[in-house]
Amino acid sequence: MGASSFEQMKEKEKISTDIAVNNYVQCVAKAITKNVPKSAHKGEWEVVVFDSEQVNAFALPGGKIGVYTGILKVAENQNQLGAIIGHEVGHVIESHSNERMSSSKISQTGMAVVDTALSVGNVENRNLWMSGLGLGLQYGILMPYGRTHESEADIVGQDLMAKSGFEPSAAISLWQNMAKLSNGSPPEFMSTHPSNETRITQLTEHLPKSQAYYKASNAPSCKKPKNI
């Protein structure tokens, strides 16, 4: 499902050709994926930067990562981008997509939101700035992760970013940024997700463990382009 869905996305979405932006995202993603357990994915990871104002990122089974340029404006530095990619890859590590797809019921309400948001009109004009972060996008089958999956991905992602050399406290500051953009709470269509305050609290409580991983890691040097 991951590979075919990703190919559909590349055909329908505009892909960024900005060399500096691509190098930056590739640098962060490479650092993260080097620490992904082989049980989650053994081969290389394909990373694509989509040229869109959406604050959006996702990872799919089969080693696929998508990052929308809009999210680079929210992620202030390589550490916060590491938190984003670590979170999304965390869903893959925990096999959340498989668990979700094996569920006997698909929420009609959730599917209606996705259909309206992505199938009708211009996506960028439909106020979906947080649509990707936490949705774990399956192209054509978009279903939001629940609170349990999101919380798991937050913690797994924080550990993963720390092992990859990214300051784990950046996961906290990232969600503080998200809270500011969403006026303190997730958009209505993300109501099944933990609140920003809950996520910040959980990440703060877990920080000492992640810091131990970080101290034993080597920090990469991924420079964020000035034009973002």
N, C-alpha and C. Protein backbone atom coordinates (compact mmCIF):
# COMPACT_ATOMS: atom_id res chain seq x y z
N MET A 1 0.82 -1.21 0.00
CA MET A 1 0.00 0.00 0.00
C MET A 1 0.85 1.25 0.00
N GLY A 2 1.96 1.25 0.78
CA GLY A 2 2.78 2.44 0.88
C GLY A 2 3.36 2.89 -0.44
N ALA A 3 3.98 1.94 -1.19
CA ALA A 3 4.66 2.29 -2.44
C ALA A 3 3.68 2.81 -3.48
N SER A 4 2.57 2.11 -3.66
CA SER A 4 1.60 2.52 -4.69
C SER A 4 0.95 3.85 -4.33
N SER A 5 0.67 4.05 -3.06
CA SER A 5 0.08 5.31 -2.62
C SER A 5 1.04 6.46 -2.86
N PHE A 6 2.31 6.22 -2.59
CA PHE A 6 3.33 7.25 -2.75
C PHE A 6 3.49 7.64 -4.22
N GLU A 7 3.44 6.66 -5.11
CA GLU A 7 3.55 6.94 -6.54
C GLU A 7 2.38 7.80 -7.01
N GLN A 8 1.20 7.53 -6.49
CA GLN A 8 0.03 8.34 -6.84
C GLN A 8 0.22 9.78 -6.39
N MET A 9 0.78 9.93 -5.20
CA MET A 9 1.01 11.28 -4.69
C MET A 9 1.98 12.05 -5.57
N LYS A 10 3.05 11.39 -5.98
CA LYS A 10 4.07 12.05 -6.79
C LYS A 10 3.52 12.48 -8.14
N GLU A 11 2.52 11.76 -8.62
CA GLU A 11 1.90 12.11 -9.89
C GLU A 11 0.96 13.31 -9.75
N LYS A 12 0.32 13.43 -8.60
CA LYS A 12 -0.72 14.44 -8.44
C LYS A 12 -0.27 15.70 -7.70
N GLU A 13 0.77 15.58 -6.89
CA GLU A 13 1.22 16.73 -6.11
C GLU A 13 2.44 17.37 -6.76
N LYS A 14 2.60 18.66 -6.58
CA LYS A 14 3.76 19.37 -7.11
C LYS A 14 4.98 19.07 -6.25
N ILE A 15 6.06 18.66 -6.88
CA ILE A 15 7.29 18.32 -6.17
C ILE A 15 8.27 19.49 -6.22
N SER A 16 8.87 19.79 -5.09
CA SER A 16 9.81 20.91 -5.01
C SER A 16 11.09 20.60 -5.79
N THR A 17 11.56 21.59 -6.53
CA THR A 17 12.81 21.47 -7.27
C THR A 17 13.91 22.34 -6.66
N ASP A 18 13.62 22.92 -5.50
CA ASP A 18 14.59 23.78 -4.82
C ASP A 18 15.71 22.89 -4.25
N ILE A 19 16.90 23.04 -4.77
CA ILE A 19 18.02 22.18 -4.39
C ILE A 19 18.35 22.32 -2.90
N ALA A 20 18.41 23.55 -2.41
CA ALA A 20 18.77 23.77 -1.01
C ALA A 20 17.74 23.17 -0.06
N VAL A 21 16.47 23.34 -0.39
CA VAL A 21 15.40 22.79 0.44
C VAL A 21 15.45 21.28 0.43
N ASN A 22 15.64 20.69 -0.74
CA ASN A 22 15.71 19.24 -0.84
C ASN A 22 16.91 18.69 -0.07
N ASN A 23 18.04 19.35 -0.18
CA ASN A 23 19.24 18.90 0.53
C ASN A 23 19.03 18.93 2.04
N TYR A 24 18.36 19.97 2.49
CA TYR A 24 18.08 20.13 3.92
C TYR A 24 17.19 19.00 4.44
N VAL A 25 16.09 18.77 3.75
CA VAL A 25 15.16 17.72 4.17
C VAL A 25 15.82 16.35 4.07
N GLN A 26 16.55 16.11 3.00
CA GLN A 26 17.24 14.83 2.83
C GLN A 26 18.25 14.60 3.94
N CYS A 27 18.94 15.65 4.34
CA CYS A 27 19.94 15.55 5.40
C CYS A 27 19.30 15.10 6.71
N VAL A 28 18.19 15.73 7.08
CA VAL A 28 17.50 15.38 8.32
C VAL A 28 16.92 13.98 8.23
N ALA A 29 16.27 13.68 7.11
CA ALA A 29 15.64 12.37 6.94
C ALA A 29 16.67 11.24 6.96
N LYS A 30 17.81 11.47 6.34
CA LYS A 30 18.86 10.44 6.32
C LYS A 30 19.37 10.14 7.72
N ALA A 31 19.54 11.18 8.52
CA ALA A 31 19.99 10.98 9.90
C ALA A 31 18.97 10.16 10.69
N ILE A 32 17.69 10.45 10.48
CA ILE A 32 16.64 9.73 11.18
C ILE A 32 16.57 8.27 10.74
N THR A 33 16.52 8.05 9.44
CA THR A 33 16.28 6.70 8.93
C THR A 33 17.44 5.75 9.17
N LYS A 34 18.63 6.27 9.40
CA LYS A 34 19.77 5.40 9.71
C LYS A 34 19.57 4.66 11.02
N ASN A 35 18.69 5.18 11.85
CA ASN A 35 18.45 4.58 13.16
C ASN A 35 17.12 3.84 13.25
N VAL A 36 16.46 3.64 12.12
CA VAL A 36 15.21 2.89 12.10
C VAL A 36 15.53 1.39 12.18
N PRO A 37 14.87 0.66 13.06
CA PRO A 37 15.10 -0.78 13.16
C PRO A 37 14.87 -1.48 11.82
N LYS A 38 15.70 -2.46 11.51
CA LYS A 38 15.56 -3.20 10.25
C LYS A 38 14.23 -3.94 10.18
N SER A 39 13.65 -4.21 11.33
CA SER A 39 12.35 -4.89 11.34
C SER A 39 11.26 -4.00 10.77
N ALA A 40 11.48 -2.68 10.79
CA ALA A 40 10.50 -1.74 10.24
C ALA A 40 10.72 -1.52 8.75
N HIS A 41 11.99 -1.42 8.35
CA HIS A 41 12.32 -1.27 6.92
C HIS A 41 13.81 -1.54 6.74
N LYS A 42 14.12 -2.43 5.80
CA LYS A 42 15.51 -2.85 5.60
C LYS A 42 16.25 -2.04 4.54
N GLY A 43 15.54 -1.54 3.56
CA GLY A 43 16.19 -0.88 2.43
C GLY A 43 16.36 0.62 2.60
N GLU A 44 16.61 1.28 1.47
CA GLU A 44 16.75 2.73 1.47
C GLU A 44 15.37 3.38 1.62
N TRP A 45 15.38 4.61 2.09
CA TRP A 45 14.15 5.38 2.21
C TRP A 45 14.07 6.40 1.09
N GLU A 46 12.91 6.52 0.49
CA GLU A 46 12.69 7.54 -0.53
C GLU A 46 12.05 8.75 0.13
N VAL A 47 12.68 9.89 -0.05
CA VAL A 47 12.19 11.12 0.58
C VAL A 47 11.85 12.13 -0.51
N VAL A 48 10.63 12.64 -0.49
CA VAL A 48 10.18 13.61 -1.48
C VAL A 48 9.66 14.86 -0.78
N VAL A 49 10.06 16.01 -1.30
CA VAL A 49 9.59 17.29 -0.77
C VAL A 49 8.51 17.82 -1.71
N PHE A 50 7.31 18.01 -1.19
CA PHE A 50 6.19 18.51 -1.97
C PHE A 50 6.08 20.03 -1.80
N ASP A 51 5.94 20.72 -2.90
CA ASP A 51 5.88 22.18 -2.90
C ASP A 51 4.45 22.62 -2.61
N SER A 52 4.17 22.87 -1.35
CA SER A 52 2.82 23.24 -0.94
C SER A 52 2.88 23.97 0.39
N GLU A 53 1.94 24.88 0.60
CA GLU A 53 1.89 25.64 1.85
C GLU A 53 1.29 24.83 2.99
N GLN A 54 0.82 23.63 2.72
CA GLN A 54 0.30 22.80 3.79
C GLN A 54 1.38 22.53 4.83
N VAL A 55 1.00 22.56 6.08
CA VAL A 55 1.90 22.13 7.15
C VAL A 55 1.67 20.64 7.28
N ASN A 56 2.49 19.88 6.56
CA ASN A 56 2.15 18.49 6.29
C ASN A 56 3.41 17.64 6.19
N ALA A 57 3.38 16.46 6.77
CA ALA A 57 4.46 15.50 6.62
C ALA A 57 3.89 14.12 6.91
N PHE A 58 4.49 13.09 6.34
CA PHE A 58 3.99 11.74 6.56
C PHE A 58 5.07 10.72 6.24
N ALA A 59 4.88 9.52 6.72
CA ALA A 59 5.74 8.39 6.36
C ALA A 59 4.84 7.21 6.07
N LEU A 60 5.23 6.39 5.11
CA LEU A 60 4.44 5.24 4.70
C LEU A 60 5.27 3.97 4.81
N PRO A 61 4.62 2.84 5.04
CA PRO A 61 5.32 1.56 5.02
C PRO A 61 6.03 1.37 3.68
N GLY A 62 7.17 0.72 3.70
CA GLY A 62 7.92 0.52 2.48
C GLY A 62 9.01 1.57 2.30
N GLY A 63 9.24 2.38 3.33
CA GLY A 63 10.32 3.35 3.28
C GLY A 63 10.03 4.60 2.48
N LYS A 64 8.88 5.20 2.68
CA LYS A 64 8.50 6.42 1.96
C LYS A 64 8.25 7.56 2.94
N ILE A 65 8.83 8.71 2.64
CA ILE A 65 8.64 9.89 3.48
C ILE A 65 8.28 11.08 2.59
N GLY A 66 7.27 11.82 2.99
CA GLY A 66 6.88 13.03 2.28
C GLY A 66 6.89 14.21 3.23
N VAL A 67 7.48 15.30 2.79
CA VAL A 67 7.51 16.52 3.59
C VAL A 67 7.02 17.67 2.73
N TYR A 68 6.04 18.41 3.21
CA TYR A 68 5.52 19.57 2.49
C TYR A 68 6.30 20.81 2.92
N THR A 69 6.57 21.69 1.98
CA THR A 69 7.38 22.87 2.29
C THR A 69 6.74 23.76 3.35
N GLY A 70 5.42 23.71 3.46
CA GLY A 70 4.74 24.52 4.46
C GLY A 70 5.17 24.21 5.88
N ILE A 71 5.50 22.95 6.13
CA ILE A 71 5.87 22.58 7.50
C ILE A 71 7.27 23.07 7.86
N LEU A 72 8.05 23.39 6.84
CA LEU A 72 9.41 23.89 7.10
C LEU A 72 9.38 25.29 7.69
N LYS A 73 8.25 25.98 7.54
CA LYS A 73 8.11 27.31 8.13
C LYS A 73 7.76 27.22 9.61
N VAL A 74 7.19 26.10 10.01
CA VAL A 74 6.83 25.87 11.41
C VAL A 74 8.01 25.28 12.17
N ALA A 75 8.72 24.36 11.53
CA ALA A 75 9.92 23.76 12.12
C ALA A 75 11.06 24.76 12.01
N GLU A 76 11.47 25.32 13.11
CA GLU A 76 12.42 26.42 13.10
C GLU A 76 13.85 26.02 12.77
N ASN A 77 14.19 24.75 12.97
CA ASN A 77 15.57 24.31 12.76
C ASN A 77 15.61 22.81 12.50
N GLN A 78 16.82 22.27 12.34
CA GLN A 78 16.95 20.85 12.03
C GLN A 78 16.40 19.96 13.14
N ASN A 79 16.48 20.42 14.38
CA ASN A 79 15.99 19.62 15.49
C ASN A 79 14.48 19.46 15.45
N GLN A 80 13.78 20.54 15.15
CA GLN A 80 12.32 20.46 15.07
C GLN A 80 11.87 19.66 13.84
N LEU A 81 12.60 19.78 12.74
CA LEU A 81 12.27 18.96 11.58
C LEU A 81 12.56 17.50 11.90
N GLY A 82 13.60 17.25 12.67
CA GLY A 82 13.89 15.89 13.11
C GLY A 82 12.77 15.33 13.96
N ALA A 83 12.14 16.20 14.76
CA ALA A 83 11.01 15.77 15.57
C ALA A 83 9.82 15.38 14.70
N ILE A 84 9.59 16.16 13.65
CA ILE A 84 8.48 15.88 12.73
C ILE A 84 8.70 14.55 12.02
N ILE A 85 9.85 14.40 11.40
CA ILE A 85 10.12 13.17 10.65
C ILE A 85 10.21 11.98 11.59
N GLY A 86 10.80 12.18 12.76
CA GLY A 86 10.87 11.09 13.73
C GLY A 86 9.49 10.62 14.16
N HIS A 87 8.59 11.57 14.36
CA HIS A 87 7.21 11.23 14.73
C HIS A 87 6.53 10.41 13.64
N GLU A 88 6.64 10.87 12.40
CA GLU A 88 5.97 10.17 11.31
C GLU A 88 6.56 8.78 11.08
N VAL A 89 7.88 8.68 11.14
CA VAL A 89 8.53 7.37 11.00
C VAL A 89 8.17 6.48 12.19
N GLY A 90 7.91 7.10 13.34
CA GLY A 90 7.48 6.34 14.51
C GLY A 90 6.21 5.56 14.25
N HIS A 91 5.30 6.15 13.47
CA HIS A 91 4.08 5.43 13.10
C HIS A 91 4.42 4.17 12.30
N VAL A 92 5.40 4.27 11.42
CA VAL A 92 5.80 3.12 10.62
C VAL A 92 6.46 2.06 11.49
N ILE A 93 7.34 2.47 12.39
CA ILE A 93 8.02 1.54 13.28
C ILE A 93 7.02 0.75 14.11
N GLU A 94 5.98 1.43 14.56
CA GLU A 94 4.97 0.78 15.40
C GLU A 94 3.87 0.10 14.60
N SER A 95 4.00 0.09 13.27
CA SER A 95 3.02 -0.57 12.38
C SER A 95 1.61 -0.03 12.57
N HIS A 96 1.51 1.24 12.82
CA HIS A 96 0.19 1.84 13.04
C HIS A 96 -0.69 1.79 11.80
N SER A 97 -0.09 1.94 10.63
CA SER A 97 -0.89 1.89 9.41
C SER A 97 -1.54 0.53 9.24
N ASN A 98 -0.78 -0.53 9.53
CA ASN A 98 -1.33 -1.88 9.40
C ASN A 98 -2.46 -2.10 10.39
N GLU A 99 -2.27 -1.62 11.61
CA GLU A 99 -3.31 -1.76 12.62
C GLU A 99 -4.57 -1.02 12.20
N ARG A 100 -4.37 0.15 11.65
CA ARG A 100 -5.51 0.97 11.24
C ARG A 100 -6.24 0.36 10.06
N MET A 101 -5.46 -0.16 9.09
CA MET A 101 -6.08 -0.74 7.91
C MET A 101 -6.81 -2.04 8.21
N SER A 102 -6.40 -2.73 9.28
CA SER A 102 -7.05 -3.99 9.62
C SER A 102 -8.30 -3.79 10.46
N SER A 103 -8.55 -2.54 10.83
CA SER A 103 -9.74 -2.24 11.61
C SER A 103 -10.99 -2.57 10.82
N SER A 104 -12.01 -3.08 11.49
CA SER A 104 -13.22 -3.52 10.79
C SER A 104 -14.10 -2.37 10.32
N LYS A 105 -13.88 -1.18 10.87
CA LYS A 105 -14.73 -0.05 10.50
C LYS A 105 -13.88 1.17 10.15
N ILE A 106 -14.30 1.89 9.15
CA ILE A 106 -13.68 3.16 8.79
C ILE A 106 -14.69 4.26 9.12
N SER A 107 -14.25 5.22 9.85
CA SER A 107 -15.15 6.29 10.28
C SER A 107 -15.71 7.05 9.09
N GLN A 108 -17.03 7.04 8.94
CA GLN A 108 -17.65 7.76 7.84
C GLN A 108 -17.42 9.26 7.98
N THR A 109 -17.43 9.72 9.19
CA THR A 109 -17.19 11.15 9.42
C THR A 109 -15.79 11.53 8.99
N GLY A 110 -14.80 10.71 9.39
CA GLY A 110 -13.42 10.98 9.02
C GLY A 110 -13.23 10.97 7.52
N MET A 111 -13.82 10.01 6.85
CA MET A 111 -13.68 9.91 5.40
C MET A 111 -14.35 11.09 4.72
N ALA A 112 -15.47 11.56 5.28
CA ALA A 112 -16.15 12.72 4.69
C ALA A 112 -15.27 13.96 4.79
N VAL A 113 -14.59 14.10 5.91
CA VAL A 113 -13.69 15.24 6.08
C VAL A 113 -12.58 15.18 5.05
N VAL A 114 -11.99 14.00 4.89
CA VAL A 114 -10.90 13.84 3.93
C VAL A 114 -11.38 14.08 2.51
N ASP A 115 -12.54 13.54 2.17
CA ASP A 115 -13.07 13.70 0.82
C ASP A 115 -13.29 15.17 0.51
N THR A 116 -13.88 15.88 1.46
CA THR A 116 -14.13 17.30 1.27
C THR A 116 -12.83 18.08 1.16
N ALA A 117 -11.89 17.73 2.02
CA ALA A 117 -10.65 18.49 2.10
C ALA A 117 -9.71 18.28 0.94
N LEU A 118 -9.59 17.05 0.48
CA LEU A 118 -8.58 16.74 -0.52
C LEU A 118 -9.12 16.49 -1.93
N SER A 119 -10.39 16.20 -2.05
CA SER A 119 -10.93 15.86 -3.36
C SER A 119 -11.67 17.02 -4.02
N VAL A 120 -12.13 17.95 -3.23
CA VAL A 120 -12.92 19.05 -3.77
C VAL A 120 -12.15 20.35 -3.68
N GLY A 121 -11.95 20.98 -4.81
CA GLY A 121 -11.32 22.29 -4.81
C GLY A 121 -9.83 22.25 -4.57
N ASN A 122 -9.29 23.39 -4.25
CA ASN A 122 -7.86 23.55 -4.05
C ASN A 122 -7.51 23.21 -2.61
N VAL A 123 -6.68 22.19 -2.42
CA VAL A 123 -6.33 21.74 -1.09
C VAL A 123 -5.74 22.86 -0.25
N GLU A 124 -4.88 23.66 -0.87
CA GLU A 124 -4.17 24.69 -0.12
C GLU A 124 -5.11 25.78 0.40
N ASN A 125 -6.28 25.88 -0.17
CA ASN A 125 -7.22 26.91 0.27
C ASN A 125 -8.25 26.38 1.26
N ARG A 126 -8.04 25.17 1.74
CA ARG A 126 -9.04 24.57 2.61
C ARG A 126 -8.58 24.48 4.06
N ASN A 127 -7.62 25.33 4.41
CA ASN A 127 -7.21 25.47 5.80
C ASN A 127 -6.80 24.15 6.43
N LEU A 128 -5.99 23.38 5.69
CA LEU A 128 -5.54 22.09 6.21
C LEU A 128 -4.07 22.14 6.60
N TRP A 129 -3.67 23.18 7.28
CA TRP A 129 -2.26 23.36 7.54
C TRP A 129 -1.67 22.27 8.45
N MET A 130 -2.52 21.54 9.19
CA MET A 130 -2.00 20.46 10.02
C MET A 130 -2.50 19.10 9.54
N SER A 131 -2.94 19.02 8.31
CA SER A 131 -3.59 17.80 7.85
C SER A 131 -2.67 16.60 7.85
N GLY A 132 -1.42 16.80 7.56
CA GLY A 132 -0.53 15.66 7.42
C GLY A 132 0.08 15.19 8.71
N LEU A 133 0.47 16.10 9.58
CA LEU A 133 1.14 15.73 10.80
C LEU A 133 0.19 14.94 11.68
N GLY A 134 0.39 13.63 11.78
CA GLY A 134 -0.47 12.80 12.58
C GLY A 134 -1.53 12.07 11.80
N LEU A 135 -1.76 12.44 10.57
CA LEU A 135 -2.73 11.69 9.77
C LEU A 135 -2.12 10.41 9.24
N GLY A 136 -0.80 10.40 9.06
CA GLY A 136 -0.17 9.22 8.50
C GLY A 136 -0.80 8.92 7.16
N LEU A 137 -0.56 9.75 6.21
CA LEU A 137 -1.34 9.79 4.98
C LEU A 137 -1.20 8.53 4.14
N GLN A 138 -2.34 7.92 3.82
CA GLN A 138 -2.42 6.84 2.85
C GLN A 138 -3.22 7.41 1.70
N TYR A 139 -2.59 7.65 0.58
CA TYR A 139 -3.26 8.37 -0.51
C TYR A 139 -4.49 7.62 -0.98
N GLY A 140 -5.64 8.26 -0.91
CA GLY A 140 -6.89 7.63 -1.29
C GLY A 140 -7.57 6.95 -0.12
N ILE A 141 -6.81 6.65 0.94
CA ILE A 141 -7.40 6.05 2.13
C ILE A 141 -6.83 6.79 3.32
N LEU A 142 -7.32 7.99 3.55
CA LEU A 142 -6.82 8.84 4.62
C LEU A 142 -7.66 8.64 5.87
N MET A 143 -7.04 8.14 6.89
CA MET A 143 -7.74 7.91 8.14
C MET A 143 -6.87 8.45 9.28
N PRO A 144 -7.42 9.26 10.16
CA PRO A 144 -6.61 9.82 11.24
C PRO A 144 -6.20 8.77 12.26
N TYR A 145 -4.98 8.91 12.75
CA TYR A 145 -4.56 8.06 13.85
C TYR A 145 -5.31 8.49 15.10
N GLY A 146 -5.53 7.55 16.01
CA GLY A 146 -6.20 7.87 17.26
C GLY A 146 -5.21 8.35 18.31
N ARG A 147 -5.72 8.65 19.49
CA ARG A 147 -4.88 9.20 20.55
C ARG A 147 -3.76 8.24 20.96
N THR A 148 -4.07 6.95 21.04
CA THR A 148 -3.05 5.98 21.46
C THR A 148 -1.90 5.93 20.47
N HIS A 149 -2.22 5.85 19.18
CA HIS A 149 -1.18 5.81 18.15
C HIS A 149 -0.36 7.09 18.15
N GLU A 150 -1.03 8.22 18.30
CA GLU A 150 -0.31 9.49 18.30
C GLU A 150 0.65 9.59 19.47
N SER A 151 0.18 9.18 20.64
CA SER A 151 1.03 9.23 21.82
C SER A 151 2.23 8.30 21.68
N GLU A 152 1.99 7.12 21.12
CA GLU A 152 3.09 6.18 20.90
C GLU A 152 4.11 6.76 19.92
N ALA A 153 3.62 7.34 18.84
CA ALA A 153 4.52 7.91 17.83
C ALA A 153 5.29 9.10 18.39
N ASP A 154 4.67 9.86 19.28
CA ASP A 154 5.37 10.97 19.91
C ASP A 154 6.59 10.48 20.68
N ILE A 155 6.40 9.43 21.48
CA ILE A 155 7.49 8.92 22.32
C ILE A 155 8.53 8.19 21.48
N VAL A 156 8.09 7.33 20.58
CA VAL A 156 9.02 6.61 19.70
C VAL A 156 9.81 7.62 18.86
N GLY A 157 9.10 8.62 18.36
CA GLY A 157 9.75 9.64 17.54
C GLY A 157 10.75 10.47 18.32
N GLN A 158 10.43 10.78 19.57
CA GLN A 158 11.36 11.56 20.39
C GLN A 158 12.64 10.77 20.66
N ASP A 159 12.50 9.48 20.93
CA ASP A 159 13.68 8.64 21.12
C ASP A 159 14.48 8.51 19.83
N LEU A 160 13.77 8.35 18.72
CA LEU A 160 14.44 8.19 17.43
C LEU A 160 15.22 9.44 17.04
N MET A 161 14.62 10.60 17.23
CA MET A 161 15.33 11.83 16.88
C MET A 161 16.56 12.01 17.76
N ALA A 162 16.43 11.64 19.03
CA ALA A 162 17.56 11.77 19.96
C ALA A 162 18.71 10.84 19.56
N LYS A 163 18.39 9.61 19.21
CA LYS A 163 19.41 8.66 18.76
C LYS A 163 20.07 9.14 17.47
N SER A 164 19.34 9.95 16.71
CA SER A 164 19.83 10.45 15.42
C SER A 164 20.62 11.75 15.56
N GLY A 165 20.76 12.24 16.79
CA GLY A 165 21.55 13.43 17.02
C GLY A 165 20.79 14.74 17.06
N PHE A 166 19.47 14.66 17.16
CA PHE A 166 18.65 15.87 17.24
C PHE A 166 18.21 16.09 18.68
N GLU A 167 18.32 17.32 19.13
CA GLU A 167 17.97 17.67 20.51
C GLU A 167 16.50 17.33 20.78
N PRO A 168 16.21 16.35 21.67
CA PRO A 168 14.84 15.89 21.87
C PRO A 168 13.90 16.92 22.47
N SER A 169 14.43 17.94 23.13
CA SER A 169 13.55 18.98 23.66
C SER A 169 12.88 19.76 22.53
N ALA A 170 13.42 19.63 21.31
CA ALA A 170 12.84 20.32 20.16
C ALA A 170 11.45 19.78 19.83
N ALA A 171 11.17 18.53 20.23
CA ALA A 171 9.83 17.98 20.02
C ALA A 171 8.81 18.77 20.83
N ILE A 172 9.23 19.23 21.99
CA ILE A 172 8.36 20.03 22.85
C ILE A 172 8.13 21.41 22.24
N SER A 173 9.21 22.06 21.84
CA SER A 173 9.07 23.40 21.25
C SER A 173 8.30 23.35 19.94
N LEU A 174 8.43 22.25 19.21
CA LEU A 174 7.66 22.09 17.97
C LEU A 174 6.17 22.13 18.26
N TRP A 175 5.74 21.38 19.26
CA TRP A 175 4.31 21.35 19.57
C TRP A 175 3.84 22.65 20.20
N GLN A 176 4.75 23.36 20.82
CA GLN A 176 4.40 24.70 21.29
C GLN A 176 4.13 25.61 20.10
N ASN A 177 4.93 25.45 19.04
CA ASN A 177 4.69 26.20 17.80
C ASN A 177 3.34 25.83 17.21
N MET A 178 3.05 24.53 17.20
CA MET A 178 1.78 24.06 16.65
C MET A 178 0.61 24.63 17.45
N ALA A 179 0.79 24.68 18.76
CA ALA A 179 -0.29 25.20 19.61
C ALA A 179 -0.58 26.66 19.30
N LYS A 180 0.47 27.42 19.04
CA LYS A 180 0.28 28.83 18.69
C LYS A 180 -0.49 28.97 17.38
N LEU A 181 -0.15 28.13 16.41
CA LEU A 181 -0.81 28.21 15.11
C LEU A 181 -2.26 27.77 15.17
N SER A 182 -2.55 26.86 16.09
CA SER A 182 -3.92 26.34 16.16
C SER A 182 -4.69 26.94 17.33
N ASN A 183 -4.17 28.05 17.88
CA ASN A 183 -4.82 28.72 19.01
C ASN A 183 -4.99 27.81 20.21
N GLY A 184 -4.00 26.92 20.40
CA GLY A 184 -3.97 26.10 21.61
C GLY A 184 -4.57 24.73 21.49
N SER A 185 -5.30 24.45 20.43
CA SER A 185 -5.92 23.14 20.31
C SER A 185 -5.91 22.68 18.86
N PRO A 186 -5.98 21.35 18.64
CA PRO A 186 -5.98 20.85 17.27
C PRO A 186 -7.24 21.29 16.54
N PRO A 187 -7.18 21.36 15.20
CA PRO A 187 -8.38 21.66 14.42
C PRO A 187 -9.46 20.63 14.68
N GLU A 188 -10.69 20.97 14.36
CA GLU A 188 -11.82 20.10 14.65
C GLU A 188 -11.65 18.71 14.05
N PHE A 189 -11.10 18.63 12.83
CA PHE A 189 -11.00 17.33 12.18
C PHE A 189 -9.90 16.47 12.81
N MET A 190 -9.12 17.06 13.73
CA MET A 190 -8.12 16.28 14.45
C MET A 190 -8.54 16.07 15.89
N SER A 191 -9.83 16.10 16.16
CA SER A 191 -10.33 16.02 17.52
C SER A 191 -10.06 14.66 18.16
N THR A 192 -9.73 13.64 17.36
CA THR A 192 -9.41 12.33 17.91
C THR A 192 -7.98 12.28 18.41
N HIS A 193 -7.21 13.33 18.20
CA HIS A 193 -5.80 13.36 18.59
C HIS A 193 -5.64 13.95 19.99
N PRO A 194 -4.52 13.65 20.64
CA PRO A 194 -4.26 14.29 21.93
C PRO A 194 -4.16 15.80 21.75
N SER A 195 -4.53 16.55 22.77
CA SER A 195 -4.40 18.00 22.69
C SER A 195 -2.92 18.37 22.68
N ASN A 196 -2.64 19.57 22.21
CA ASN A 196 -1.25 20.02 22.20
C ASN A 196 -0.66 20.02 23.61
N GLU A 197 -1.46 20.43 24.59
CA GLU A 197 -0.98 20.46 25.97
C GLU A 197 -0.64 19.07 26.47
N THR A 198 -1.47 18.09 26.12
CA THR A 198 -1.21 16.71 26.53
C THR A 198 0.08 16.20 25.91
N ARG A 199 0.27 16.48 24.64
CA ARG A 199 1.47 16.02 23.95
C ARG A 199 2.71 16.67 24.57
N ILE A 200 2.63 17.95 24.83
CA ILE A 200 3.76 18.66 25.42
C ILE A 200 4.10 18.08 26.79
N THR A 201 3.08 17.77 27.58
CA THR A 201 3.29 17.18 28.91
C THR A 201 3.96 15.82 28.80
N GLN A 202 3.45 14.97 27.91
CA GLN A 202 4.01 13.63 27.75
C GLN A 202 5.46 13.67 27.26
N LEU A 203 5.74 14.54 26.31
CA LEU A 203 7.09 14.66 25.78
C LEU A 203 8.05 15.21 26.84
N THR A 204 7.56 16.13 27.66
CA THR A 204 8.38 16.69 28.73
C THR A 204 8.72 15.62 29.76
N GLU A 205 7.74 14.80 30.10
CA GLU A 205 7.96 13.73 31.08
C GLU A 205 8.94 12.69 30.56
N HIS A 206 8.92 12.46 29.26
CA HIS A 206 9.79 11.44 28.66
C HIS A 206 11.18 11.99 28.33
N LEU A 207 11.34 13.29 28.40
CA LEU A 207 12.58 13.94 27.95
C LEU A 207 13.86 13.39 28.59
N PRO A 208 13.90 13.11 29.91
CA PRO A 208 15.14 12.60 30.49
C PRO A 208 15.66 11.33 29.81
N LYS A 209 14.76 10.42 29.46
CA LYS A 209 15.18 9.20 28.78
C LYS A 209 15.73 9.52 27.40
N SER A 210 15.04 10.40 26.66
CA SER A 210 15.50 10.76 25.32
C SER A 210 16.84 11.50 25.38
N GLN A 211 17.02 12.31 26.41
CA GLN A 211 18.27 13.05 26.56
C GLN A 211 19.46 12.10 26.70
N ALA A 212 19.24 10.96 27.34
CA ALA A 212 20.31 9.97 27.49
C ALA A 212 20.73 9.44 26.12
N TYR A 213 19.76 9.20 25.25
CA TYR A 213 20.08 8.76 23.88
C TYR A 213 20.83 9.85 23.13
N TYR A 214 20.38 11.08 23.34
CA TYR A 214 20.97 12.22 22.62
C TYR A 214 22.45 12.41 22.99
N LYS A 215 22.75 12.25 24.26
CA LYS A 215 24.12 12.44 24.73
C LYS A 215 25.08 11.41 24.13
N ALA A 216 24.55 10.27 23.73
CA ALA A 216 25.38 9.22 23.15
C ALA A 216 25.41 9.27 21.63
N SER A 217 24.77 10.28 21.05
CA SER A 217 24.66 10.37 19.59
C SER A 217 25.61 11.41 19.01
N ASN A 218 25.67 11.44 17.70
CA ASN A 218 26.44 12.45 16.97
C ASN A 218 25.47 13.34 16.21
N ALA A 219 25.51 14.63 16.48
CA ALA A 219 24.58 15.56 15.85
C ALA A 219 24.96 15.83 14.40
N PRO A 220 23.99 15.75 13.49
CA PRO A 220 24.25 16.08 12.09
C PRO A 220 24.32 17.59 11.92
N SER A 221 24.70 18.03 10.76
CA SER A 221 24.74 19.47 10.47
C SER A 221 23.92 19.75 9.22
N CYS A 222 22.62 19.87 9.42
CA CYS A 222 21.69 20.11 8.32
C CYS A 222 21.27 21.58 8.37
N LYS A 223 21.67 22.33 7.39
CA LYS A 223 21.43 23.77 7.41
C LYS A 223 20.11 24.13 6.73
N LYS A 224 19.25 24.80 7.48
CA LYS A 224 17.97 25.25 6.94
C LYS A 224 18.20 26.42 6.00
N PRO A 225 17.69 26.33 4.77
CA PRO A 225 17.87 27.44 3.81
C PRO A 225 17.25 28.74 4.33
N LYS A 226 17.87 29.84 4.01
CA LYS A 226 17.39 31.14 4.48
C LYS A 226 16.09 31.56 3.80
N ASN A 227 15.80 30.96 2.64
CA ASN A 227 14.61 31.39 1.90
C ASN A 227 13.33 30.73 2.38
N ILE A 228 13.42 29.90 3.41
CA ILE A 228 12.21 29.26 3.94
C ILE A 228 11.59 30.16 5.01
